[in-house]
Amino acid sequence: MALFPKALGQLRPTDMNAATLYTKGQSTVAYLDQLYICNTTASPTTYRVFVDADGSTYDQETALWYDFPLGANTTHTYALKSYLLAEGSTVGVRAGTGSAITFTLFGEEVHG
């Protein structure tokens, strides 16, 4: 079966609360390929990225990056190269400044 890259999620949080960027659906295998984190403001800020294998608990136990610094007008790119296998797995994000950061996740889904 062919895999086709696509945007799995895109989010610009308006506040500093953790939010779900992507949720793996039922009977789906998700391959997370690239994550782009872009600060669209002239001020530095921070971000958090989480992966929770069985829900949406976004805290220190599920953190991949926690209060990671992001300079003004800067983009961080991550090659994730990982699978989400558990049904209901989520990727969560949090911006250190409301409306300052866009998060974009690319990958593939196989439905079966």
PDB file of N, CA and C in Angstrom:
ATOM      1  N   MET A   1       0.843  -1.172   0.000  1.00  0.00           N
ATOM      2  CA  MET A   1       0.000   0.000   0.000  1.00  0.00           C
ATOM      3  C   MET A   1       0.890   1.237   0.000  1.00  0.00           C
ATOM      4  N   ALA A   2       0.596   2.188  -0.835  1.00  0.00           N
ATOM      5  CA  ALA A   2       1.392   3.409  -0.947  1.00  0.00           C
ATOM      6  C   ALA A   2       1.064   4.375   0.190  1.00  0.00           C
ATOM      7  N   LEU A   3       2.102   5.055   0.643  1.00  0.00           N
ATOM      8  CA  LEU A   3       1.939   6.088   1.652  1.00  0.00           C
ATOM      9  C   LEU A   3       2.131   7.446   0.992  1.00  0.00           C
ATOM     10  N   PHE A   4       1.282   8.384   1.331  1.00  0.00           N
ATOM     11  CA  PHE A   4       1.370   9.718   0.770  1.00  0.00           C
ATOM     12  C   PHE A   4       1.483  10.726   1.903  1.00  0.00           C
ATOM     13  N   PRO A   5       2.541  11.533   1.902  1.00  0.00           N
ATOM     14  CA  PRO A   5       2.692  12.541   2.952  1.00  0.00           C
ATOM     15  C   PRO A   5       1.554  13.554   2.913  1.00  0.00           C
ATOM     16  N   LYS A   6       1.172  14.011   4.091  1.00  0.00           N
ATOM     17  CA  LYS A   6       0.140  15.036   4.189  1.00  0.00           C
ATOM     18  C   LYS A   6       0.296  15.752   5.521  1.00  0.00           C
ATOM     19  N   ALA A   7      -0.358  16.874   5.643  1.00  0.00           N
ATOM     20  CA  ALA A   7      -0.392  17.578   6.918  1.00  0.00           C
ATOM     21  C   ALA A   7      -1.349  16.833   7.840  1.00  0.00           C
ATOM     22  N   LEU A   8      -0.838  16.334   8.935  1.00  0.00           N
ATOM     23  CA  LEU A   8      -1.677  15.637   9.906  1.00  0.00           C
ATOM     24  C   LEU A   8      -2.331  16.614  10.869  1.00  0.00           C
ATOM     25  N   GLY A   9      -1.695  17.755  11.065  1.00  0.00           N
ATOM     26  CA  GLY A   9      -2.263  18.751  11.957  1.00  0.00           C
ATOM     27  C   GLY A   9      -1.530  20.062  11.864  1.00  0.00           C
ATOM     28  N   GLN A  10      -2.271  21.142  12.094  1.00  0.00           N
ATOM     29  CA  GLN A  10      -1.679  22.478  12.115  1.00  0.00           C
ATOM     30  C   GLN A  10      -2.443  23.286  13.150  1.00  0.00           C
ATOM     31  N   LEU A  11      -1.691  23.994  13.995  1.00  0.00           N
ATOM     32  CA  LEU A  11      -2.327  24.688  15.110  1.00  0.00           C
ATOM     33  C   LEU A  11      -1.506  25.920  15.484  1.00  0.00           C
ATOM     34  N   ARG A  12      -2.201  27.003  15.801  1.00  0.00           N
ATOM     35  CA  ARG A  12      -1.591  28.212  16.355  1.00  0.00           C
ATOM     36  C   ARG A  12      -2.341  28.527  17.644  1.00  0.00           C
ATOM     37  N   PRO A  13      -1.833  28.021  18.772  1.00  0.00           N
ATOM     38  CA  PRO A  13      -2.538  28.230  20.045  1.00  0.00           C
ATOM     39  C   PRO A  13      -2.656  29.711  20.395  1.00  0.00           C
ATOM     40  N   THR A  14      -3.842  30.112  20.806  1.00  0.00           N
ATOM     41  CA  THR A  14      -4.077  31.512  21.167  1.00  0.00           C
ATOM     42  C   THR A  14      -3.773  31.785  22.634  1.00  0.00           C
ATOM     43  N   ASP A  15      -3.541  30.737  23.404  1.00  0.00           N
ATOM     44  CA  ASP A  15      -3.213  30.900  24.813  1.00  0.00           C
ATOM     45  C   ASP A  15      -2.035  29.991  25.165  1.00  0.00           C
ATOM     46  N   MET A  16      -1.749  29.867  26.439  1.00  0.00           N
ATOM     47  CA  MET A  16      -0.603  29.067  26.871  1.00  0.00           C
ATOM     48  C   MET A  16      -1.036  27.736  27.491  1.00  0.00           C
ATOM     49  N   ASN A  17      -2.160  27.194  27.026  1.00  0.00           N
ATOM     50  CA  ASN A  17      -2.616  25.883  27.470  1.00  0.00           C
ATOM     51  C   ASN A  17      -2.215  24.832  26.451  1.00  0.00           C
ATOM     52  N   ALA A  18      -1.907  23.638  26.916  1.00  0.00           N
ATOM     53  CA  ALA A  18      -1.592  22.542  26.001  1.00  0.00           C
ATOM     54  C   ALA A  18      -2.835  22.188  25.193  1.00  0.00           C
ATOM     55  N   ALA A  19      -2.608  21.870  23.913  1.00  0.00           N
ATOM     56  CA  ALA A  19      -3.714  21.535  23.010  1.00  0.00           C
ATOM     57  C   ALA A  19      -3.300  20.366  22.134  1.00  0.00           C
ATOM     58  N   THR A  20      -4.278  19.616  21.649  1.00  0.00           N
ATOM     59  CA  THR A  20      -4.013  18.475  20.793  1.00  0.00           C
ATOM     60  C   THR A  20      -3.783  18.935  19.358  1.00  0.00           C
ATOM     61  N   LEU A  21      -2.639  18.536  18.812  1.00  0.00           N
ATOM     62  CA  LEU A  21      -2.298  18.823  17.418  1.00  0.00           C
ATOM     63  C   LEU A  21      -2.781  17.706  16.507  1.00  0.00           C
ATOM     64  N   TYR A  22      -2.720  16.450  17.001  1.00  0.00           N
ATOM     65  CA  TYR A  22      -3.101  15.303  16.169  1.00  0.00           C
ATOM     66  C   TYR A  22      -3.560  14.169  17.068  1.00  0.00           C
ATOM     67  N   THR A  23      -4.605  13.463  16.632  1.00  0.00           N
ATOM     68  CA  THR A  23      -5.086  12.254  17.301  1.00  0.00           C
ATOM     69  C   THR A  23      -5.137  11.126  16.295  1.00  0.00           C
ATOM     70  N   LYS A  24      -4.516  10.004  16.622  1.00  0.00           N
ATOM     71  CA  LYS A  24      -4.527   8.836  15.740  1.00  0.00           C
ATOM     72  C   LYS A  24      -5.903   8.195  15.774  1.00  0.00           C
ATOM     73  N   GLY A  25      -6.464   7.966  14.616  1.00  0.00           N
ATOM     74  CA  GLY A  25      -7.802   7.405  14.507  1.00  0.00           C
ATOM     75  C   GLY A  25      -7.847   5.895  14.719  1.00  0.00           C
ATOM     76  N   GLN A  26      -9.050   5.363  14.719  1.00  0.00           N
ATOM     77  CA  GLN A  26      -9.272   3.937  14.850  1.00  0.00           C
ATOM     78  C   GLN A  26      -8.795   3.222  13.590  1.00  0.00           C
ATOM     79  N   SER A  27      -8.261   2.018  13.761  1.00  0.00           N
ATOM     80  CA  SER A  27      -7.803   1.176  12.650  1.00  0.00           C
ATOM     81  C   SER A  27      -6.835   1.924  11.736  1.00  0.00           C
ATOM     82  N   THR A  28      -5.997   2.755  12.332  1.00  0.00           N
ATOM     83  CA  THR A  28      -5.041   3.554  11.573  1.00  0.00           C
ATOM     84  C   THR A  28      -3.651   3.355  12.151  1.00  0.00           C
ATOM     85  N   VAL A  29      -2.673   3.291  11.292  1.00  0.00           N
ATOM     86  CA  VAL A  29      -1.284   3.383  11.709  1.00  0.00           C
ATOM     87  C   VAL A  29      -0.795   4.734  11.212  1.00  0.00           C
ATOM     88  N   ALA A  30      -0.231   5.519  12.101  1.00  0.00           N
ATOM     89  CA  ALA A  30       0.241   6.851  11.742  1.00  0.00           C
ATOM     90  C   ALA A  30       1.758   6.891  11.808  1.00  0.00           C
ATOM     91  N   TYR A  31       2.351   7.418  10.762  1.00  0.00           N
ATOM     92  CA  TYR A  31       3.790   7.618  10.703  1.00  0.00           C
ATOM     93  C   TYR A  31       4.051   9.112  10.773  1.00  0.00           C
ATOM     94  N   LEU A  32       4.716   9.534  11.840  1.00  0.00           N
ATOM     95  CA  LEU A  32       5.029  10.949  12.031  1.00  0.00           C
ATOM     96  C   LEU A  32       6.368  11.228  11.376  1.00  0.00           C
ATOM     97  N   ASP A  33       6.368  12.153  10.444  1.00  0.00           N
ATOM     98  CA  ASP A  33       7.568  12.403   9.656  1.00  0.00           C
ATOM     99  C   ASP A  33       8.282  13.680  10.085  1.00  0.00           C
ATOM    100  N   GLN A  34       7.661  14.829   9.891  1.00  0.00           N
ATOM    101  CA  GLN A  34       8.292  16.113  10.164  1.00  0.00           C
ATOM    102  C   GLN A  34       7.393  16.981  11.038  1.00  0.00           C
ATOM    103  N   LEU A  35       8.030  17.697  11.971  1.00  0.00           N
ATOM    104  CA  LEU A  35       7.323  18.673  12.797  1.00  0.00           C
ATOM    105  C   LEU A  35       8.014  20.018  12.614  1.00  0.00           C
ATOM    106  N   TYR A  36       7.231  21.038  12.252  1.00  0.00           N
ATOM    107  CA  TYR A  36       7.732  22.398  12.095  1.00  0.00           C
ATOM    108  C   TYR A  36       7.126  23.255  13.197  1.00  0.00           C
ATOM    109  N   ILE A  37       7.981  24.020  13.870  1.00  0.00           N
ATOM    110  CA  ILE A  37       7.540  24.916  14.932  1.00  0.00           C
ATOM    111  C   ILE A  37       8.071  26.297  14.580  1.00  0.00           C
ATOM    112  N   CYS A  38       7.164  27.234  14.306  1.00  0.00           N
ATOM    113  CA  CYS A  38       7.543  28.540  13.777  1.00  0.00           C
ATOM    114  C   CYS A  38       7.074  29.661  14.699  1.00  0.00           C
ATOM    115  N   ASN A  39       8.019  30.471  15.162  1.00  0.00           N
ATOM    116  CA  ASN A  39       7.701  31.667  15.932  1.00  0.00           C
ATOM    117  C   ASN A  39       7.473  32.800  14.936  1.00  0.00           C
ATOM    118  N   THR A  40       6.258  33.292  14.872  1.00  0.00           N
ATOM    119  CA  THR A  40       5.899  34.321  13.893  1.00  0.00           C
ATOM    120  C   THR A  40       5.987  35.732  14.465  1.00  0.00           C
ATOM    121  N   THR A  41       6.597  35.872  15.631  1.00  0.00           N
ATOM    122  CA  THR A  41       6.680  37.186  16.274  1.00  0.00           C
ATOM    123  C   THR A  41       8.135  37.658  16.382  1.00  0.00           C
ATOM    124  N   ALA A  42       8.300  38.909  16.768  1.00  0.00           N
ATOM    125  CA  ALA A  42       9.626  39.514  16.924  1.00  0.00           C
ATOM    126  C   ALA A  42      10.200  39.316  18.327  1.00  0.00           C
ATOM    127  N   SER A  43       9.559  38.468  19.136  1.00  0.00           N
ATOM    128  CA  SER A  43      10.023  38.205  20.504  1.00  0.00           C
ATOM    129  C   SER A  43      10.317  36.723  20.680  1.00  0.00           C
ATOM    130  N   PRO A  44      11.366  36.382  21.413  1.00  0.00           N
ATOM    131  CA  PRO A  44      11.621  34.972  21.696  1.00  0.00           C
ATOM    132  C   PRO A  44      10.543  34.406  22.612  1.00  0.00           C
ATOM    133  N   THR A  45      10.354  33.092  22.538  1.00  0.00           N
ATOM    134  CA  THR A  45       9.377  32.420  23.386  1.00  0.00           C
ATOM    135  C   THR A  45       9.856  30.980  23.623  1.00  0.00           C
ATOM    136  N   THR A  46       9.002  30.158  24.153  1.00  0.00           N
ATOM    137  CA  THR A  46       9.312  28.747  24.388  1.00  0.00           C
ATOM    138  C   THR A  46       8.162  27.897  23.881  1.00  0.00           C
ATOM    139  N   TYR A  47       8.393  26.584  23.802  1.00  0.00           N
ATOM    140  CA  TYR A  47       7.325  25.662  23.425  1.00  0.00           C
ATOM    141  C   TYR A  47       7.510  24.324  24.117  1.00  0.00           C
ATOM    142  N   ARG A  48       6.430  23.556  24.086  1.00  0.00           N
ATOM    143  CA  ARG A  48       6.428  22.183  24.588  1.00  0.00           C
ATOM    144  C   ARG A  48       5.773  21.305  23.528  1.00  0.00           C
ATOM    145  N   VAL A  49       6.266  20.068  23.411  1.00  0.00           N
ATOM    146  CA  VAL A  49       5.671  19.072  22.522  1.00  0.00           C
ATOM    147  C   VAL A  49       5.544  17.779  23.318  1.00  0.00           C
ATOM    148  N   PHE A  50       4.388  17.139  23.193  1.00  0.00           N
ATOM    149  CA  PHE A  50       4.083  15.935  23.963  1.00  0.00           C
ATOM    150  C   PHE A  50       3.602  14.823  23.033  1.00  0.00           C
ATOM    151  N   VAL A  51       3.848  13.578  23.417  1.00  0.00           N
ATOM    152  CA  VAL A  51       3.212  12.423  22.784  1.00  0.00           C
ATOM    153  C   VAL A  51       2.677  11.562  23.908  1.00  0.00           C
ATOM    154  N   ASP A  52       1.372  11.342  23.894  1.00  0.00           N
ATOM    155  CA  ASP A  52       0.735  10.487  24.893  1.00  0.00           C
ATOM    156  C   ASP A  52       0.164   9.270  24.178  1.00  0.00           C
ATOM    157  N   ALA A  53       0.667   8.107  24.513  1.00  0.00           N
ATOM    158  CA  ALA A  53       0.307   6.866  23.823  1.00  0.00           C
ATOM    159  C   ALA A  53      -1.133   6.443  24.065  1.00  0.00           C
ATOM    160  N   ASP A  54      -1.784   6.960  25.099  1.00  0.00           N
ATOM    161  CA  ASP A  54      -3.145   6.494  25.368  1.00  0.00           C
ATOM    162  C   ASP A  54      -4.091   7.614  25.790  1.00  0.00           C
ATOM    163  N   GLY A  55      -3.851   8.804  25.289  1.00  0.00           N
ATOM    164  CA  GLY A  55      -4.774   9.883  25.635  1.00  0.00           C
ATOM    165  C   GLY A  55      -4.180  11.245  25.400  1.00  0.00           C
ATOM    166  N   SER A  56      -4.570  12.194  26.248  1.00  0.00           N
ATOM    167  CA  SER A  56      -4.115  13.567  26.068  1.00  0.00           C
ATOM    168  C   SER A  56      -3.682  14.179  27.394  1.00  0.00           C
ATOM    169  N   THR A  57      -2.829  13.451  28.116  1.00  0.00           N
ATOM    170  CA  THR A  57      -2.234  13.988  29.330  1.00  0.00           C
ATOM    171  C   THR A  57      -0.921  14.634  28.935  1.00  0.00           C
ATOM    172  N   TYR A  58      -0.905  15.939  28.898  1.00  0.00           N
ATOM    173  CA  TYR A  58       0.271  16.669  28.445  1.00  0.00           C
ATOM    174  C   TYR A  58       0.982  17.269  29.660  1.00  0.00           C
ATOM    175  N   ASP A  59       1.958  16.526  30.145  1.00  0.00           N
ATOM    176  CA  ASP A  59       2.728  16.967  31.300  1.00  0.00           C
ATOM    177  C   ASP A  59       4.176  16.494  31.139  1.00  0.00           C
ATOM    178  N   GLN A  60       4.953  16.576  32.191  1.00  0.00           N
ATOM    179  CA  GLN A  60       6.368  16.224  32.123  1.00  0.00           C
ATOM    180  C   GLN A  60       6.593  14.747  31.766  1.00  0.00           C
ATOM    181  N   GLU A  61       5.645  13.887  32.077  1.00  0.00           N
ATOM    182  CA  GLU A  61       5.802  12.462  31.775  1.00  0.00           C
ATOM    183  C   GLU A  61       5.653  12.147  30.290  1.00  0.00           C
ATOM    184  N   THR A  62       4.966  12.995  29.543  1.00  0.00           N
ATOM    185  CA  THR A  62       4.740  12.734  28.120  1.00  0.00           C
ATOM    186  C   THR A  62       5.473  13.738  27.226  1.00  0.00           C
ATOM    187  N   ALA A  63       6.347  14.543  27.814  1.00  0.00           N
ATOM    188  CA  ALA A  63       7.022  15.611  27.073  1.00  0.00           C
ATOM    189  C   ALA A  63       8.166  15.078  26.212  1.00  0.00           C
ATOM    190  N   LEU A  64       8.261  15.605  24.983  1.00  0.00           N
ATOM    191  CA  LEU A  64       9.429  15.400  24.130  1.00  0.00           C
ATOM    192  C   LEU A  64      10.349  16.615  24.231  1.00  0.00           C
ATOM    193  N   TRP A  65       9.763  17.819  24.199  1.00  0.00           N
ATOM    194  CA  TRP A  65      10.483  19.079  24.405  1.00  0.00           C
ATOM    195  C   TRP A  65       9.675  19.871  25.413  1.00  0.00           C
ATOM    196  N   TYR A  66      10.356  20.411  26.424  1.00  0.00           N
ATOM    197  CA  TYR A  66       9.666  21.092  27.520  1.00  0.00           C
ATOM    198  C   TYR A  66      10.293  22.462  27.742  1.00  0.00           C
ATOM    199  N   ASP A  67       9.533  23.502  27.529  1.00  0.00           N
ATOM    200  CA  ASP A  67       9.990  24.888  27.642  1.00  0.00           C
ATOM    201  C   ASP A  67      11.265  25.128  26.841  1.00  0.00           C
ATOM    202  N   PHE A  68      11.276  24.586  25.629  1.00  0.00           N
ATOM    203  CA  PHE A  68      12.414  24.716  24.734  1.00  0.00           C
ATOM    204  C   PHE A  68      12.413  26.119  24.121  1.00  0.00           C
ATOM    205  N   PRO A  69      13.543  26.819  24.129  1.00  0.00           N
ATOM    206  CA  PRO A  69      13.562  28.190  23.605  1.00  0.00           C
ATOM    207  C   PRO A  69      13.456  28.252  22.086  1.00  0.00           C
ATOM    208  N   LEU A  70      12.733  29.259  21.609  1.00  0.00           N
ATOM    209  CA  LEU A  70      12.561  29.501  20.177  1.00  0.00           C
ATOM    210  C   LEU A  70      12.719  30.992  19.930  1.00  0.00           C
ATOM    211  N   GLY A  71      13.747  31.345  19.174  1.00  0.00           N
ATOM    212  CA  GLY A  71      14.046  32.748  18.919  1.00  0.00           C
ATOM    213  C   GLY A  71      12.979  33.440  18.093  1.00  0.00           C
ATOM    214  N   ALA A  72      13.063  34.754  18.082  1.00  0.00           N
ATOM    215  CA  ALA A  72      12.144  35.563  17.286  1.00  0.00           C
ATOM    216  C   ALA A  72      12.264  35.218  15.813  1.00  0.00           C
ATOM    217  N   ASN A  73      11.120  35.122  15.135  1.00  0.00           N
ATOM    218  CA  ASN A  73      11.080  34.852  13.691  1.00  0.00           C
ATOM    219  C   ASN A  73      11.936  33.650  13.292  1.00  0.00           C
ATOM    220  N   THR A  74      11.844  32.582  14.064  1.00  0.00           N
ATOM    221  CA  THR A  74      12.664  31.387  13.868  1.00  0.00           C
ATOM    222  C   THR A  74      11.780  30.160  13.718  1.00  0.00           C
ATOM    223  N   THR A  75      12.257  29.194  12.938  1.00  0.00           N
ATOM    224  CA  THR A  75      11.560  27.915  12.786  1.00  0.00           C
ATOM    225  C   THR A  75      12.479  26.774  13.197  1.00  0.00           C
ATOM    226  N   HIS A  76      11.954  25.861  14.006  1.00  0.00           N
ATOM    227  CA  HIS A  76      12.642  24.611  14.317  1.00  0.00           C
ATOM    228  C   HIS A  76      11.983  23.503  13.514  1.00  0.00           C
ATOM    229  N   THR A  77      12.800  22.615  12.956  1.00  0.00           N
ATOM    230  CA  THR A  77      12.301  21.483  12.179  1.00  0.00           C
ATOM    231  C   THR A  77      12.829  20.202  12.799  1.00  0.00           C
ATOM    232  N   TYR A  78      11.942  19.242  13.005  1.00  0.00           N
ATOM    233  CA  TYR A  78      12.326  17.959  13.587  1.00  0.00           C
ATOM    234  C   TYR A  78      11.912  16.824  12.665  1.00  0.00           C
ATOM    235  N   ALA A  79      12.836  15.929  12.382  1.00  0.00           N
ATOM    236  CA  ALA A  79      12.533  14.696  11.661  1.00  0.00           C
ATOM    237  C   ALA A  79      12.190  13.653  12.727  1.00  0.00           C
ATOM    238  N   LEU A  80      10.920  13.347  12.860  1.00  0.00           N
ATOM    239  CA  LEU A  80      10.462  12.463  13.935  1.00  0.00           C
ATOM    240  C   LEU A  80      10.689  10.990  13.612  1.00  0.00           C
ATOM    241  N   LYS A  81      10.343  10.581  12.412  1.00  0.00           N
ATOM    242  CA  LYS A  81      10.548   9.196  11.955  1.00  0.00           C
ATOM    243  C   LYS A  81      10.051   8.181  12.985  1.00  0.00           C
ATOM    244  N   SER A  82       8.808   8.323  13.373  1.00  0.00           N
ATOM    245  CA  SER A  82       8.259   7.401  14.368  1.00  0.00           C
ATOM    246  C   SER A  82       6.798   7.079  14.067  1.00  0.00           C
ATOM    247  N   TYR A  83       6.328   5.977  14.636  1.00  0.00           N
ATOM    248  CA  TYR A  83       4.960   5.507  14.442  1.00  0.00           C
ATOM    249  C   TYR A  83       4.142   5.726  15.701  1.00  0.00           C
ATOM    250  N   LEU A  84       2.866   6.011  15.513  1.00  0.00           N
ATOM    251  CA  LEU A  84       1.891   5.951  16.600  1.00  0.00           C
ATOM    252  C   LEU A  84       1.041   4.719  16.336  1.00  0.00           C
ATOM    253  N   LEU A  85       1.083   3.765  17.219  1.00  0.00           N
ATOM    254  CA  LEU A  85       0.367   2.516  17.005  1.00  0.00           C
ATOM    255  C   LEU A  85      -0.893   2.409  17.854  1.00  0.00           C
ATOM    256  N   ALA A  86      -0.862   2.913  19.072  1.00  0.00           N
ATOM    257  CA  ALA A  86      -2.000   2.758  19.978  1.00  0.00           C
ATOM    258  C   ALA A  86      -3.158   3.652  19.553  1.00  0.00           C
ATOM    259  N   GLU A  87      -4.344   3.075  19.547  1.00  0.00           N
ATOM    260  CA  GLU A  87      -5.541   3.842  19.219  1.00  0.00           C
ATOM    261  C   GLU A  87      -5.720   4.967  20.233  1.00  0.00           C
ATOM    262  N   GLY A  88      -6.008   6.152  19.759  1.00  0.00           N
ATOM    263  CA  GLY A  88      -6.186   7.294  20.646  1.00  0.00           C
ATOM    264  C   GLY A  88      -4.904   8.004  21.023  1.00  0.00           C
ATOM    265  N   SER A  89      -3.766   7.588  20.484  1.00  0.00           N
ATOM    266  CA  SER A  89      -2.509   8.298  20.738  1.00  0.00           C
ATOM    267  C   SER A  89      -2.629   9.728  20.231  1.00  0.00           C
ATOM    268  N   THR A  90      -2.012  10.652  20.950  1.00  0.00           N
ATOM    269  CA  THR A  90      -2.093  12.053  20.557  1.00  0.00           C
ATOM    270  C   THR A  90      -0.728  12.722  20.582  1.00  0.00           C
ATOM    271  N   VAL A  91      -0.631  13.783  19.794  1.00  0.00           N
ATOM    272  CA  VAL A  91       0.505  14.692  19.839  1.00  0.00           C
ATOM    273  C   VAL A  91      -0.058  16.014  20.343  1.00  0.00           C
ATOM    274  N   GLY A  92       0.526  16.530  21.407  1.00  0.00           N
ATOM    275  CA  GLY A  92       0.072  17.785  21.981  1.00  0.00           C
ATOM    276  C   GLY A  92       1.158  18.839  21.913  1.00  0.00           C
ATOM    277  N   VAL A  93       0.748  20.092  21.947  1.00  0.00           N
ATOM    278  CA  VAL A  93       1.688  21.208  21.880  1.00  0.00           C
ATOM    279  C   VAL A  93       1.254  22.302  22.844  1.00  0.00           C
ATOM    280  N   ARG A  94       2.230  23.140  23.192  1.00  0.00           N
ATOM    281  CA  ARG A  94       1.940  24.299  24.044  1.00  0.00           C
ATOM    282  C   ARG A  94       2.914  25.402  23.679  1.00  0.00           C
ATOM    283  N   ALA A  95       2.420  26.597  23.482  1.00  0.00           N
ATOM    284  CA  ALA A  95       3.251  27.760  23.199  1.00  0.00           C
ATOM    285  C   ALA A  95       3.482  28.542  24.486  1.00  0.00           C
ATOM    286  N   GLY A  96       4.681  29.095  24.622  1.00  0.00           N
ATOM    287  CA  GLY A  96       4.997  29.913  25.792  1.00  0.00           C
ATOM    288  C   GLY A  96       4.381  31.298  25.732  1.00  0.00           C
ATOM    289  N   THR A  97       3.926  31.696  24.555  1.00  0.00           N
ATOM    290  CA  THR A  97       3.259  32.981  24.335  1.00  0.00           C
ATOM    291  C   THR A  97       2.073  32.743  23.402  1.00  0.00           C
ATOM    292  N   GLY A  98       0.909  33.192  23.793  1.00  0.00           N
ATOM    293  CA  GLY A  98      -0.283  33.003  22.972  1.00  0.00           C
ATOM    294  C   GLY A  98      -0.167  33.655  21.605  1.00  0.00           C
ATOM    295  N   SER A  99      -0.623  32.959  20.586  1.00  0.00           N
ATOM    296  CA  SER A  99      -0.660  33.416  19.189  1.00  0.00           C
ATOM    297  C   SER A  99       0.721  33.720  18.603  1.00  0.00           C
ATOM    298  N   ALA A 100       1.776  33.148  19.182  1.00  0.00           N
ATOM    299  CA  ALA A 100       3.132  33.426  18.700  1.00  0.00           C
ATOM    300  C   ALA A 100       3.708  32.305  17.841  1.00  0.00           C
ATOM    301  N   ILE A 101       3.203  31.096  17.996  1.00  0.00           N
ATOM    302  CA  ILE A 101       3.834  29.932  17.370  1.00  0.00           C
ATOM    303  C   ILE A 101       2.820  29.148  16.549  1.00  0.00           C
ATOM    304  N   THR A 102       3.248  28.690  15.383  1.00  0.00           N
ATOM    305  CA  THR A 102       2.463  27.717  14.625  1.00  0.00           C
ATOM    306  C   THR A 102       3.184  26.379  14.672  1.00  0.00           C
ATOM    307  N   PHE A 103       2.412  25.328  14.859  1.00  0.00           N
ATOM    308  CA  PHE A 103       2.911  23.953  14.868  1.00  0.00           C
ATOM    309  C   PHE A 103       2.306  23.242  13.670  1.00  0.00           C
ATOM    310  N   THR A 104       3.138  22.614  12.847  1.00  0.00           N
ATOM    311  CA  THR A 104       2.652  21.865  11.693  1.00  0.00           C
ATOM    312  C   THR A 104       3.300  20.490  11.694  1.00  0.00           C
ATOM    313  N   LEU A 105       2.471  19.449  11.659  1.00  0.00           N
ATOM    314  CA  LEU A 105       2.932  18.064  11.680  1.00  0.00           C
ATOM    315  C   LEU A 105       2.609  17.391  10.357  1.00  0.00           C
ATOM    316  N   PHE A 106       3.620  16.831   9.707  1.00  0.00           N
ATOM    317  CA  PHE A 106       3.449  16.083   8.465  1.00  0.00           C
ATOM    318  C   PHE A 106       3.720  14.617   8.726  1.00  0.00           C
ATOM    319  N   GLY A 107       3.026  13.763   7.991  1.00  0.00           N
ATOM    320  CA  GLY A 107       3.226  12.326   8.120  1.00  0.00           C
ATOM    321  C   GLY A 107       2.319  11.586   7.166  1.00  0.00           C
ATOM    322  N   GLU A 108       2.154  10.301   7.428  1.00  0.00           N
ATOM    323  CA  GLU A 108       1.299   9.456   6.626  1.00  0.00           C
ATOM    324  C   GLU A 108       0.375   8.649   7.539  1.00  0.00           C
ATOM    325  N   GLU A 109      -0.769   8.310   7.012  1.00  0.00           N
ATOM    326  CA  GLU A 109      -1.712   7.422   7.697  1.00  0.00           C
ATOM    327  C   GLU A 109      -2.036   6.252   6.789  1.00  0.00           C
ATOM    328  N   VAL A 110      -2.100   5.067   7.377  1.00  0.00           N
ATOM    329  CA  VAL A 110      -2.560   3.886   6.666  1.00  0.00           C
ATOM    330  C   VAL A 110      -3.810   3.402   7.384  1.00  0.00           C
ATOM    331  N   HIS A 111      -4.904   3.348   6.659  1.00  0.00           N
ATOM    332  CA  HIS A 111      -6.172   2.907   7.227  1.00  0.00           C
ATOM    333  C   HIS A 111      -6.361   1.433   6.890  1.00  0.00           C
ATOM    334  N   GLY A 112      -6.780   0.683   7.901  1.00  0.00           N
ATOM    335  CA  GLY A 112      -6.937  -0.728   7.599  1.00  0.00           C
ATOM    336  C   GLY A 112      -7.896  -1.441   8.458  1.00  0.00           C
TER     337      GLY A 112
END
